[in-house]
PDB file of N, CA and C in Angstrom:
ATOM      1  N   UNK A   1       0.721  -1.227   0.166  1.00  0.00           N
ATOM      2  CA  UNK A   1      -0.076  -0.157  -0.084  1.00  0.00           C
ATOM      3  C   UNK A   1       0.866   1.259   0.274  1.00  0.00           C
ATOM      4  N   UNK A   2       0.334   2.188  -0.460  1.00  0.00           N
ATOM      5  CA  UNK A   2       1.254   3.404  -0.543  1.00  0.00           C
ATOM      6  C   UNK A   2       0.923   4.531   0.630  1.00  0.00           C
ATOM      7  N   UNK A   3       1.454   5.285   0.893  1.00  0.00           N
ATOM      8  CA  UNK A   3       1.011   6.213   1.984  1.00  0.00           C
ATOM      9  C   UNK A   3      -0.022   6.996   1.646  1.00  0.00           C
ATOM     10  N   UNK A   4      -0.030   7.269   0.291  1.00  0.00           N
ATOM     11  CA  UNK A   4      -1.455   8.160   0.199  1.00  0.00           C
ATOM     12  C   UNK A   4      -2.774   7.513   0.222  1.00  0.00           C
ATOM     13  N   UNK A   5      -2.758   6.021   0.310  1.00  0.00           N
ATOM     14  CA  UNK A   5      -4.152   5.194   0.468  1.00  0.00           C
ATOM     15  C   UNK A   5      -3.985   5.569   1.959  1.00  0.00           C
ATOM     16  N   UNK A   6      -2.961   5.361   3.008  1.00  0.00           N
ATOM     17  CA  UNK A   6      -3.171   5.245   4.207  1.00  0.00           C
ATOM     18  C   UNK A   6      -3.633   6.510   4.791  1.00  0.00           C
ATOM     19  N   UNK A   7      -3.062   7.669   4.189  1.00  0.00           N
ATOM     20  CA  UNK A   7      -3.385   8.979   4.376  1.00  0.00           C
ATOM     21  C   UNK A   7      -4.975   9.129   4.227  1.00  0.00           C
ATOM     22  N   UNK A   8      -5.318   8.726   3.100  1.00  0.00           N
ATOM     23  CA  UNK A   8      -6.106   8.892   2.933  1.00  0.00           C
ATOM     24  C   UNK A   8      -7.650   8.297   3.816  1.00  0.00           C
ATOM     25  N   UNK A   9      -6.970   6.846   4.138  1.00  0.00           N
ATOM     26  CA  UNK A   9      -7.951   5.959   5.162  1.00  0.00           C
ATOM     27  C   UNK A   9      -8.040   6.787   6.492  1.00  0.00           C
ATOM     28  N   UNK A  10      -6.791   7.166   6.816  1.00  0.00           N
ATOM     29  CA  UNK A  10      -6.945   7.927   8.007  1.00  0.00           C
ATOM     30  C   UNK A  10      -7.790   9.338   8.513  1.00  0.00           C
ATOM     31  N   UNK A  11      -7.820   9.871   7.242  1.00  0.00           N
ATOM     32  CA  UNK A  11      -8.468  11.305   7.262  1.00  0.00           C
ATOM     33  C   UNK A  11     -10.205  10.974   7.168  1.00  0.00           C
ATOM     34  N   UNK A  12     -10.212   9.681   6.225  1.00  0.00           N
ATOM     35  CA  UNK A  12     -11.874   9.124   6.226  1.00  0.00           C
ATOM     36  C   UNK A  12     -12.491   8.752   7.667  1.00  0.00           C
ATOM     37  N   UNK A  13     -11.382   8.261   8.609  1.00  0.00           N
ATOM     38  CA  UNK A  13     -12.020   7.540   9.541  1.00  0.00           C
ATOM     39  C   UNK A  13     -11.853   8.923  10.560  1.00  0.00           C
ATOM     40  N   UNK A  14     -11.130   9.826  10.642  1.00  0.00           N
ATOM     41  CA  UNK A  14     -11.299  11.004  11.590  1.00  0.00           C
ATOM     42  C   UNK A  14     -12.667  11.673  10.915  1.00  0.00           C
ATOM     43  N   UNK A  15     -12.796  11.617   9.778  1.00  0.00           N
ATOM     44  CA  UNK A  15     -14.193  12.648   9.499  1.00  0.00           C
ATOM     45  C   UNK A  15     -15.082  11.728   9.911  1.00  0.00           C
ATOM     46  N   UNK A  16     -15.224  10.664   9.670  1.00  0.00           N
ATOM     47  CA  UNK A  16     -16.183   9.406  10.396  1.00  0.00           C
ATOM     48  C   UNK A  16     -16.691   9.821  11.633  1.00  0.00           C
ATOM     49  N   UNK A  17     -15.363   9.836  12.464  1.00  0.00           N
ATOM     50  CA  UNK A  17     -15.912   9.923  13.944  1.00  0.00           C
ATOM     51  C   UNK A  17     -16.460  11.526  14.065  1.00  0.00           C
ATOM     52  N   UNK A  18     -15.943  12.495  13.522  1.00  0.00           N
ATOM     53  CA  UNK A  18     -16.279  13.616  13.743  1.00  0.00           C
ATOM     54  C   UNK A  18     -17.846  13.557  13.243  1.00  0.00           C
ATOM     55  N   UNK A  19     -18.316  13.198  12.468  1.00  0.00           N
ATOM     56  CA  UNK A  19     -19.704  13.180  11.659  1.00  0.00           C
ATOM     57  C   UNK A  19     -20.528  12.680  12.933  1.00  0.00           C
ATOM     58  N   UNK A  20     -20.085  11.137  13.493  1.00  0.00           N
ATOM     59  CA  UNK A  20     -20.839  10.242  13.976  1.00  0.00           C
ATOM     60  C   UNK A  20     -21.008  10.976  15.314  1.00  0.00           C
ATOM     61  N   UNK A  21     -20.029  11.804  16.028  1.00  0.00           N
ATOM     62  CA  UNK A  21     -20.128  12.846  17.347  1.00  0.00           C
ATOM     63  C   UNK A  21     -21.198  13.651  17.163  1.00  0.00           C
ATOM     64  N   UNK A  22     -21.129  14.573  15.688  1.00  0.00           N
ATOM     65  CA  UNK A  22     -22.141  15.454  15.154  1.00  0.00           C
ATOM     66  C   UNK A  22     -23.612  15.030  15.224  1.00  0.00           C
ATOM     67  N   UNK A  23     -23.516  13.812  14.858  1.00  0.00           N
ATOM     68  CA  UNK A  23     -25.280  13.085  14.480  1.00  0.00           C
ATOM     69  C   UNK A  23     -25.820  12.337  15.833  1.00  0.00           C
ATOM     70  N   UNK A  24     -25.080  12.004  16.898  1.00  0.00           N
ATOM     71  CA  UNK A  24     -25.560  11.387  18.046  1.00  0.00           C
ATOM     72  C   UNK A  24     -25.773  12.576  19.308  1.00  0.00           C
ATOM     73  N   UNK A  25     -24.922  13.948  19.060  1.00  0.00           N
ATOM     74  CA  UNK A  25     -25.319  14.701  20.109  1.00  0.00           C
ATOM     75  C   UNK A  25     -24.765  16.138  19.528  1.00  0.00           C
ATOM     76  N   UNK A  26     -25.936  16.761  18.594  1.00  0.00           N
ATOM     77  CA  UNK A  26     -25.713  17.905  17.776  1.00  0.00           C
ATOM     78  C   UNK A  26     -25.122  19.136  18.814  1.00  0.00           C
ATOM     79  N   UNK A  27     -24.268  19.895  18.285  1.00  0.00           N
ATOM     80  CA  UNK A  27     -23.956  20.896  19.337  1.00  0.00           C
ATOM     81  C   UNK A  27     -24.963  21.920  20.046  1.00  0.00           C
ATOM     82  N   UNK A  28     -24.639  22.474  21.239  1.00  0.00           N
ATOM     83  CA  UNK A  28     -25.641  23.212  21.571  1.00  0.00           C
ATOM     84  C   UNK A  28     -24.964  24.657  21.799  1.00  0.00           C
ATOM     85  N   UNK A  29     -24.931  25.639  21.220  1.00  0.00           N
ATOM     86  CA  UNK A  29     -24.045  26.503  22.227  1.00  0.00           C
ATOM     87  C   UNK A  29     -24.355  27.534  23.115  1.00  0.00           C
ATOM     88  N   UNK A  30     -26.089  27.221  23.426  1.00  0.00           N
ATOM     89  CA  UNK A  30     -26.269  27.897  25.050  1.00  0.00           C
ATOM     90  C   UNK A  30     -25.896  26.874  25.980  1.00  0.00           C
ATOM     91  N   UNK A  31     -25.377  25.607  26.037  1.00  0.00           N
ATOM     92  CA  UNK A  31     -25.190  24.792  27.229  1.00  0.00           C
ATOM     93  C   UNK A  31     -23.832  24.064  26.951  1.00  0.00           C
ATOM     94  N   UNK A  32     -23.012  25.057  25.817  1.00  0.00           N
ATOM     95  CA  UNK A  32     -21.505  24.775  25.927  1.00  0.00           C
ATOM     96  C   UNK A  32     -20.949  25.771  26.972  1.00  0.00           C
ATOM     97  N   UNK A  33     -19.669  25.027  27.750  1.00  0.00           N
ATOM     98  CA  UNK A  33     -19.129  26.231  28.575  1.00  0.00           C
ATOM     99  C   UNK A  33     -18.087  26.842  27.638  1.00  0.00           C
ATOM    100  N   UNK A  34     -17.469  28.460  28.224  1.00  0.00           N
ATOM    101  CA  UNK A  34     -17.190  28.939  27.776  1.00  0.00           C
ATOM    102  C   UNK A  34     -15.530  28.892  27.333  1.00  0.00           C
ATOM    103  N   UNK A  35     -14.964  29.016  25.924  1.00  0.00           N
ATOM    104  CA  UNK A  35     -13.768  28.612  25.849  1.00  0.00           C
ATOM    105  C   UNK A  35     -12.743  29.188  26.668  1.00  0.00           C
ATOM    106  N   UNK A  36     -12.976  30.553  26.559  1.00  0.00           N
ATOM    107  CA  UNK A  36     -12.038  31.463  27.628  1.00  0.00           C
ATOM    108  C   UNK A  36     -12.729  32.105  28.692  1.00  0.00           C
ATOM    109  N   UNK A  37     -12.434  31.848  29.877  1.00  0.00           N
ATOM    110  CA  UNK A  37     -12.945  32.154  31.195  1.00  0.00           C
ATOM    111  C   UNK A  37     -12.508  33.306  31.878  1.00  0.00           C
ATOM    112  N   UNK A  38     -11.363  33.890  30.971  1.00  0.00           N
ATOM    113  CA  UNK A  38     -10.262  35.048  31.862  1.00  0.00           C
ATOM    114  C   UNK A  38     -10.775  36.163  32.398  1.00  0.00           C
ATOM    115  N   UNK A  39     -10.812  36.078  33.542  1.00  0.00           N
ATOM    116  CA  UNK A  39     -11.783  37.045  34.392  1.00  0.00           C
ATOM    117  C   UNK A  39     -13.274  37.180  34.316  1.00  0.00           C
ATOM    118  N   UNK A  40     -13.746  36.025  33.931  1.00  0.00           N
ATOM    119  CA  UNK A  40     -15.310  36.016  34.146  1.00  0.00           C
ATOM    120  C   UNK A  40     -15.682  35.878  35.706  1.00  0.00           C
ATOM    121  N   UNK A  41     -15.167  35.533  36.494  1.00  0.00           N
ATOM    122  CA  UNK A  41     -15.545  34.959  37.866  1.00  0.00           C
ATOM    123  C   UNK A  41     -16.288  33.589  37.885  1.00  0.00           C
ATOM    124  N   UNK A  42     -15.957  32.992  36.855  1.00  0.00           N
ATOM    125  CA  UNK A  42     -16.392  31.517  36.615  1.00  0.00           C
ATOM    126  C   UNK A  42     -15.608  30.818  37.399  1.00  0.00           C
ATOM    127  N   UNK A  43     -16.132  29.601  38.117  1.00  0.00           N
ATOM    128  CA  UNK A  43     -15.047  28.911  39.051  1.00  0.00           C
ATOM    129  C   UNK A  43     -14.540  27.674  37.857  1.00  0.00           C
ATOM    130  N   UNK A  44     -13.339  27.038  37.875  1.00  0.00           N
ATOM    131  CA  UNK A  44     -13.379  25.963  37.124  1.00  0.00           C
ATOM    132  C   UNK A  44     -13.832  24.851  37.339  1.00  0.00           C
ATOM    133  N   UNK A  45     -14.431  24.169  36.300  1.00  0.00           N
ATOM    134  CA  UNK A  45     -15.068  22.724  36.534  1.00  0.00           C
ATOM    135  C   UNK A  45     -14.501  21.832  35.844  1.00  0.00           C
ATOM    136  N   UNK A  46     -14.789  20.365  36.562  1.00  0.00           N
ATOM    137  CA  UNK A  46     -14.027  19.542  35.669  1.00  0.00           C
ATOM    138  C   UNK A  46     -13.259  18.517  36.247  1.00  0.00           C
ATOM    139  N   UNK A  47     -12.198  17.844  35.906  1.00  0.00           N
ATOM    140  CA  UNK A  47     -11.542  16.817  36.647  1.00  0.00           C
ATOM    141  C   UNK A  47     -10.102  17.234  36.501  1.00  0.00           C
ATOM    142  N   UNK A  48      -9.601  17.360  37.585  1.00  0.00           N
ATOM    143  CA  UNK A  48      -8.026  17.594  37.716  1.00  0.00           C
ATOM    144  C   UNK A  48      -7.230  16.904  38.547  1.00  0.00           C
ATOM    145  N   UNK A  49      -6.273  16.083  37.989  1.00  0.00           N
ATOM    146  CA  UNK A  49      -5.857  15.294  38.855  1.00  0.00           C
ATOM    147  C   UNK A  49      -4.737  15.784  40.115  1.00  0.00           C
ATOM    148  N   UNK A  50      -4.684  17.030  39.535  1.00  0.00           N
ATOM    149  CA  UNK A  50      -3.802  17.711  40.893  1.00  0.00           C
ATOM    150  C   UNK A  50      -4.504  18.140  41.830  1.00  0.00           C
ATOM    151  N   UNK A  51      -5.958  18.183  41.824  1.00  0.00           N
ATOM    152  CA  UNK A  51      -6.735  19.330  42.672  1.00  0.00           C
ATOM    153  C   UNK A  51      -6.818  18.524  43.634  1.00  0.00           C
ATOM    154  N   UNK A  52      -6.723  18.918  45.141  1.00  0.00           N
ATOM    155  CA  UNK A  52      -7.016  18.509  46.523  1.00  0.00           C
ATOM    156  C   UNK A  52      -7.870  18.166  46.783  1.00  0.00           C
ATOM    157  N   UNK A  53      -8.433  16.982  47.208  1.00  0.00           N
ATOM    158  CA  UNK A  53      -9.771  16.713  47.429  1.00  0.00           C
ATOM    159  C   UNK A  53     -10.224  17.716  49.073  1.00  0.00           C
ATOM    160  N   UNK A  54     -11.337  17.940  49.136  1.00  0.00           N
ATOM    161  CA  UNK A  54     -11.936  18.622  49.865  1.00  0.00           C
ATOM    162  C   UNK A  54     -12.391  17.900  51.218  1.00  0.00           C
TER     163      UNK A  54
END
């Protein structure tokens, strides 16, 4: 196989995963967290391995 075939197959797989993600859960901009929350006062959420448990 040539590199071109492998590269096209990899790109097709990536596009397939993105398409399946978009179909199964369409994006909702009103429920999405802000990309940058610099100075917004919003507390950080989500998992962080270095966070000290309370």
